[in-house]
Amino acid sequence: MPERYDMRLSRRARKDLTELIREGLGIKIRNILDLMETDPFATVPPFKKLKGDLDGCYSRHLNREDRIVYEILPSDEYLSIVHVILMKENYHGMMSFFL
């Protein structure tokens, strides 16, 4: 069995997930999160390395408006931790999350 990353969702990401499931994106999100647990850098679906204030974060499209934004954190217990920051809306309006 391949090594796995530990997946952790922020409080905001858990809230976003509930809304996106209601919008019918639950299966798509589950498939992407499952992939990210084994390889957060898998190229399908493509991810984007973010720059500037979001340097060190990555994003994957869910639809035209919504993105999964995540970062990879070191861990002593796991290969690494995939920390999902948010899933709803895009990262252009999320700077207040980091302040």
N, C-alpha and C. Protein backbone atom coordinates (compact mmCIF):
# COMPACT_ATOMS: atom_id res chain seq x y z
N MET A 1 0.85 -1.19 0.00
CA MET A 1 0.00 0.00 0.00
C MET A 1 0.89 1.25 0.00
N PRO A 2 0.59 2.22 -0.85
CA PRO A 2 1.44 3.42 -0.91
C PRO A 2 1.32 4.24 0.36
N GLU A 3 2.38 5.01 0.64
CA GLU A 3 2.32 5.90 1.80
C GLU A 3 1.26 6.96 1.56
N ARG A 4 0.64 7.37 2.66
CA ARG A 4 -0.44 8.34 2.54
C ARG A 4 -0.08 9.62 3.28
N TYR A 5 -0.65 10.67 2.79
CA TYR A 5 -0.56 11.96 3.46
C TYR A 5 -1.75 12.06 4.41
N ASP A 6 -1.58 12.76 5.49
CA ASP A 6 -2.68 13.01 6.41
C ASP A 6 -3.46 14.21 5.88
N MET A 7 -4.76 14.04 5.71
CA MET A 7 -5.62 15.10 5.17
C MET A 7 -6.30 15.82 6.34
N ARG A 8 -6.15 17.12 6.39
CA ARG A 8 -6.81 17.91 7.43
C ARG A 8 -7.52 19.09 6.77
N LEU A 9 -8.74 19.32 7.19
CA LEU A 9 -9.55 20.43 6.67
C LEU A 9 -9.66 21.52 7.71
N SER A 10 -9.45 22.75 7.30
CA SER A 10 -9.66 23.88 8.20
C SER A 10 -11.15 23.98 8.51
N ARG A 11 -11.48 24.76 9.50
CA ARG A 11 -12.89 24.99 9.84
C ARG A 11 -13.62 25.58 8.63
N ARG A 12 -12.96 26.50 7.94
CA ARG A 12 -13.56 27.12 6.73
C ARG A 12 -13.78 26.07 5.65
N ALA A 13 -12.81 25.17 5.44
CA ALA A 13 -12.94 24.13 4.41
C ALA A 13 -14.09 23.18 4.73
N ARG A 14 -14.27 22.84 6.00
CA ARG A 14 -15.39 21.96 6.39
C ARG A 14 -16.73 22.64 6.10
N LYS A 15 -16.82 23.93 6.39
CA LYS A 15 -18.05 24.68 6.09
C LYS A 15 -18.28 24.71 4.58
N ASP A 16 -17.22 25.01 3.83
CA ASP A 16 -17.33 25.05 2.37
C ASP A 16 -17.77 23.70 1.82
N LEU A 17 -17.22 22.62 2.37
CA LEU A 17 -17.55 21.27 1.91
C LEU A 17 -19.04 21.00 2.04
N THR A 18 -19.62 21.38 3.16
CA THR A 18 -21.06 21.19 3.37
C THR A 18 -21.87 21.91 2.29
N GLU A 19 -21.49 23.13 1.98
CA GLU A 19 -22.21 23.89 0.95
C GLU A 19 -22.03 23.27 -0.43
N LEU A 20 -20.81 22.84 -0.74
CA LEU A 20 -20.54 22.28 -2.06
C LEU A 20 -21.21 20.92 -2.27
N ILE A 21 -21.36 20.16 -1.20
CA ILE A 21 -22.11 18.89 -1.31
C ILE A 21 -23.55 19.19 -1.67
N ARG A 22 -24.13 20.21 -1.04
CA ARG A 22 -25.50 20.62 -1.38
C ARG A 22 -25.63 21.07 -2.83
N GLU A 23 -24.53 21.60 -3.38
CA GLU A 23 -24.53 22.05 -4.77
C GLU A 23 -24.22 20.92 -5.75
N GLY A 24 -24.04 19.70 -5.24
CA GLY A 24 -23.84 18.55 -6.11
C GLY A 24 -22.39 18.23 -6.46
N LEU A 25 -21.43 18.80 -5.74
CA LEU A 25 -20.02 18.57 -6.04
C LEU A 25 -19.35 17.56 -5.11
N GLY A 26 -20.13 16.88 -4.30
CA GLY A 26 -19.57 15.96 -3.31
C GLY A 26 -18.69 14.87 -3.90
N ILE A 27 -19.13 14.21 -4.95
CA ILE A 27 -18.36 13.11 -5.55
C ILE A 27 -17.07 13.65 -6.15
N LYS A 28 -17.14 14.77 -6.85
CA LYS A 28 -15.94 15.36 -7.45
C LYS A 28 -14.92 15.73 -6.37
N ILE A 29 -15.38 16.33 -5.29
CA ILE A 29 -14.49 16.71 -4.20
C ILE A 29 -13.87 15.47 -3.57
N ARG A 30 -14.68 14.44 -3.32
CA ARG A 30 -14.15 13.21 -2.72
C ARG A 30 -13.06 12.60 -3.58
N ASN A 31 -13.27 12.57 -4.90
CA ASN A 31 -12.27 12.02 -5.81
C ASN A 31 -10.97 12.82 -5.76
N ILE A 32 -11.06 14.13 -5.73
CA ILE A 32 -9.85 14.97 -5.67
C ILE A 32 -9.15 14.80 -4.33
N LEU A 33 -9.90 14.78 -3.23
CA LEU A 33 -9.29 14.61 -1.91
C LEU A 33 -8.64 13.24 -1.78
N ASP A 34 -9.27 12.20 -2.32
CA ASP A 34 -8.68 10.86 -2.30
C ASP A 34 -7.34 10.85 -3.04
N LEU A 35 -7.31 11.49 -4.19
CA LEU A 35 -6.07 11.59 -4.96
C LEU A 35 -5.01 12.34 -4.17
N MET A 36 -5.39 13.45 -3.56
CA MET A 36 -4.44 14.27 -2.81
C MET A 36 -3.89 13.54 -1.60
N GLU A 37 -4.64 12.58 -1.05
CA GLU A 37 -4.14 11.80 0.08
C GLU A 37 -2.97 10.91 -0.32
N THR A 38 -2.95 10.47 -1.56
CA THR A 38 -1.84 9.63 -2.02
C THR A 38 -0.77 10.44 -2.75
N ASP A 39 -1.17 11.52 -3.43
CA ASP A 39 -0.21 12.35 -4.15
C ASP A 39 -0.77 13.75 -4.36
N PRO A 40 -0.47 14.69 -3.45
CA PRO A 40 -1.02 16.04 -3.59
C PRO A 40 -0.43 16.80 -4.78
N PHE A 41 0.57 16.21 -5.44
CA PHE A 41 1.18 16.85 -6.60
C PHE A 41 0.85 16.13 -7.90
N ALA A 42 -0.15 15.23 -7.86
CA ALA A 42 -0.59 14.54 -9.08
C ALA A 42 -1.04 15.59 -10.10
N THR A 43 -0.74 15.36 -11.35
CA THR A 43 -1.03 16.38 -12.37
C THR A 43 -2.42 16.29 -12.96
N VAL A 44 -3.19 15.28 -12.60
CA VAL A 44 -4.56 15.16 -13.11
C VAL A 44 -5.49 15.01 -11.92
N PRO A 45 -6.43 15.89 -11.68
CA PRO A 45 -6.60 17.15 -12.39
C PRO A 45 -5.45 18.09 -12.04
N PRO A 46 -5.15 19.02 -12.92
CA PRO A 46 -3.98 19.88 -12.71
C PRO A 46 -4.11 20.75 -11.47
N PHE A 47 -2.98 21.04 -10.88
CA PHE A 47 -2.95 21.97 -9.75
C PHE A 47 -2.12 23.18 -10.16
N LYS A 48 -2.30 24.26 -9.41
CA LYS A 48 -1.56 25.48 -9.69
C LYS A 48 -0.82 25.88 -8.43
N LYS A 49 0.48 26.14 -8.55
CA LYS A 49 1.26 26.65 -7.43
C LYS A 49 0.99 28.15 -7.34
N LEU A 50 0.58 28.60 -6.18
CA LEU A 50 0.21 30.00 -6.00
C LEU A 50 1.44 30.83 -5.64
N LYS A 51 1.37 32.11 -5.92
CA LYS A 51 2.49 33.02 -5.71
C LYS A 51 2.08 34.18 -4.81
N GLY A 52 3.03 35.05 -4.56
CA GLY A 52 2.76 36.25 -3.78
C GLY A 52 2.42 35.92 -2.34
N ASP A 53 1.35 36.52 -1.84
CA ASP A 53 0.94 36.30 -0.46
C ASP A 53 0.53 34.85 -0.20
N LEU A 54 0.22 34.11 -1.25
CA LEU A 54 -0.19 32.71 -1.11
C LEU A 54 0.93 31.75 -1.49
N ASP A 55 2.16 32.25 -1.51
CA ASP A 55 3.30 31.41 -1.83
C ASP A 55 3.35 30.22 -0.88
N GLY A 56 3.54 29.04 -1.42
CA GLY A 56 3.54 27.83 -0.61
C GLY A 56 2.20 27.11 -0.63
N CYS A 57 1.19 27.73 -1.21
CA CYS A 57 -0.13 27.11 -1.33
C CYS A 57 -0.34 26.66 -2.78
N TYR A 58 -1.32 25.77 -2.95
CA TYR A 58 -1.66 25.22 -4.25
C TYR A 58 -3.18 25.29 -4.40
N SER A 59 -3.65 25.25 -5.64
CA SER A 59 -5.11 25.21 -5.85
C SER A 59 -5.45 24.26 -6.98
N ARG A 60 -6.66 23.72 -6.89
CA ARG A 60 -7.24 22.86 -7.93
C ARG A 60 -8.65 23.35 -8.18
N HIS A 61 -9.04 23.39 -9.44
CA HIS A 61 -10.38 23.82 -9.83
C HIS A 61 -11.42 22.77 -9.45
N LEU A 62 -12.54 23.24 -8.95
CA LEU A 62 -13.73 22.40 -8.78
C LEU A 62 -14.73 22.72 -9.89
N ASN A 63 -14.86 24.01 -10.18
CA ASN A 63 -15.70 24.51 -11.27
C ASN A 63 -15.17 25.88 -11.65
N ARG A 64 -15.93 26.65 -12.37
CA ARG A 64 -15.43 27.97 -12.82
C ARG A 64 -15.11 28.91 -11.67
N GLU A 65 -15.83 28.79 -10.56
CA GLU A 65 -15.68 29.74 -9.47
C GLU A 65 -14.95 29.19 -8.25
N ASP A 66 -15.09 27.92 -8.00
CA ASP A 66 -14.61 27.35 -6.74
C ASP A 66 -13.30 26.59 -6.92
N ARG A 67 -12.46 26.68 -5.90
CA ARG A 67 -11.15 26.04 -5.90
C ARG A 67 -10.92 25.36 -4.57
N ILE A 68 -10.16 24.28 -4.60
CA ILE A 68 -9.60 23.72 -3.37
C ILE A 68 -8.23 24.38 -3.21
N VAL A 69 -8.03 25.09 -2.12
CA VAL A 69 -6.75 25.72 -1.84
C VAL A 69 -6.14 24.97 -0.66
N TYR A 70 -4.88 24.53 -0.84
CA TYR A 70 -4.25 23.72 0.19
C TYR A 70 -2.76 24.00 0.29
N GLU A 71 -2.18 23.52 1.37
CA GLU A 71 -0.75 23.62 1.58
C GLU A 71 -0.25 22.28 2.11
N ILE A 72 1.03 22.04 1.97
CA ILE A 72 1.64 20.81 2.46
C ILE A 72 2.49 21.18 3.67
N LEU A 73 2.21 20.53 4.79
CA LEU A 73 2.92 20.82 6.03
C LEU A 73 3.76 19.61 6.44
N PRO A 74 4.90 19.82 7.08
CA PRO A 74 5.72 18.70 7.54
C PRO A 74 5.04 17.97 8.69
N SER A 75 5.39 16.71 8.85
CA SER A 75 4.81 15.90 9.92
C SER A 75 5.82 14.85 10.37
N ASP A 76 5.83 14.56 11.66
CA ASP A 76 6.68 13.49 12.18
C ASP A 76 5.99 12.14 12.05
N GLU A 77 4.66 12.13 12.02
CA GLU A 77 3.91 10.87 12.00
C GLU A 77 3.54 10.40 10.60
N TYR A 78 3.37 11.31 9.67
CA TYR A 78 2.92 10.99 8.31
C TYR A 78 3.97 11.43 7.32
N LEU A 79 3.78 11.02 6.08
CA LEU A 79 4.63 11.49 5.01
C LEU A 79 4.66 13.02 5.03
N SER A 80 3.52 13.64 5.06
CA SER A 80 3.30 15.08 5.25
C SER A 80 1.81 15.26 5.50
N ILE A 81 1.43 16.49 5.81
CA ILE A 81 0.03 16.81 6.04
C ILE A 81 -0.46 17.68 4.89
N VAL A 82 -1.58 17.29 4.29
CA VAL A 82 -2.25 18.13 3.30
C VAL A 82 -3.30 18.93 4.07
N HIS A 83 -3.06 20.22 4.22
CA HIS A 83 -3.98 21.09 4.95
C HIS A 83 -4.83 21.85 3.95
N VAL A 84 -6.11 21.50 3.87
CA VAL A 84 -7.04 22.16 2.95
C VAL A 84 -7.55 23.41 3.66
N ILE A 85 -7.28 24.55 3.04
CA ILE A 85 -7.62 25.84 3.64
C ILE A 85 -9.05 26.24 3.32
N LEU A 86 -9.43 26.11 2.05
CA LEU A 86 -10.80 26.43 1.66
C LEU A 86 -11.15 25.69 0.39
N MET A 87 -12.45 25.64 0.10
CA MET A 87 -12.94 24.96 -1.10
C MET A 87 -13.92 25.81 -1.89
N LYS A 88 -14.42 26.85 -1.33
CA LYS A 88 -15.47 27.64 -1.97
C LYS A 88 -14.90 28.98 -2.39
N GLU A 89 -15.28 29.42 -3.55
CA GLU A 89 -14.82 30.68 -4.12
C GLU A 89 -13.36 30.54 -4.54
N ASN A 90 -12.81 31.60 -5.06
CA ASN A 90 -11.41 31.50 -5.47
C ASN A 90 -10.52 32.21 -4.47
N TYR A 91 -9.23 32.07 -4.65
CA TYR A 91 -8.27 32.58 -3.69
C TYR A 91 -8.01 34.07 -3.83
N HIS A 92 -8.53 34.73 -4.87
CA HIS A 92 -8.27 36.15 -5.04
C HIS A 92 -8.91 37.00 -3.95
N GLY A 93 -10.02 36.55 -3.40
CA GLY A 93 -10.71 37.31 -2.38
C GLY A 93 -10.51 36.76 -0.99
N MET A 94 -9.51 35.94 -0.78
CA MET A 94 -9.38 35.27 0.51
C MET A 94 -8.25 35.78 1.37
N MET A 95 -7.66 36.90 1.05
CA MET A 95 -6.50 37.37 1.81
C MET A 95 -6.83 37.59 3.28
N SER A 96 -8.05 37.94 3.62
CA SER A 96 -8.41 38.15 5.02
C SER A 96 -8.27 36.85 5.81
N PHE A 97 -8.32 35.70 5.15
CA PHE A 97 -8.16 34.43 5.83
C PHE A 97 -6.76 34.31 6.42
N PHE A 98 -5.77 34.92 5.77
CA PHE A 98 -4.39 34.80 6.21
C PHE A 98 -3.96 35.93 7.13
N LEU A 99 -4.79 36.95 7.31
CA LEU A 99 -4.42 38.09 8.16
C LEU A 99 -4.79 37.85 9.60
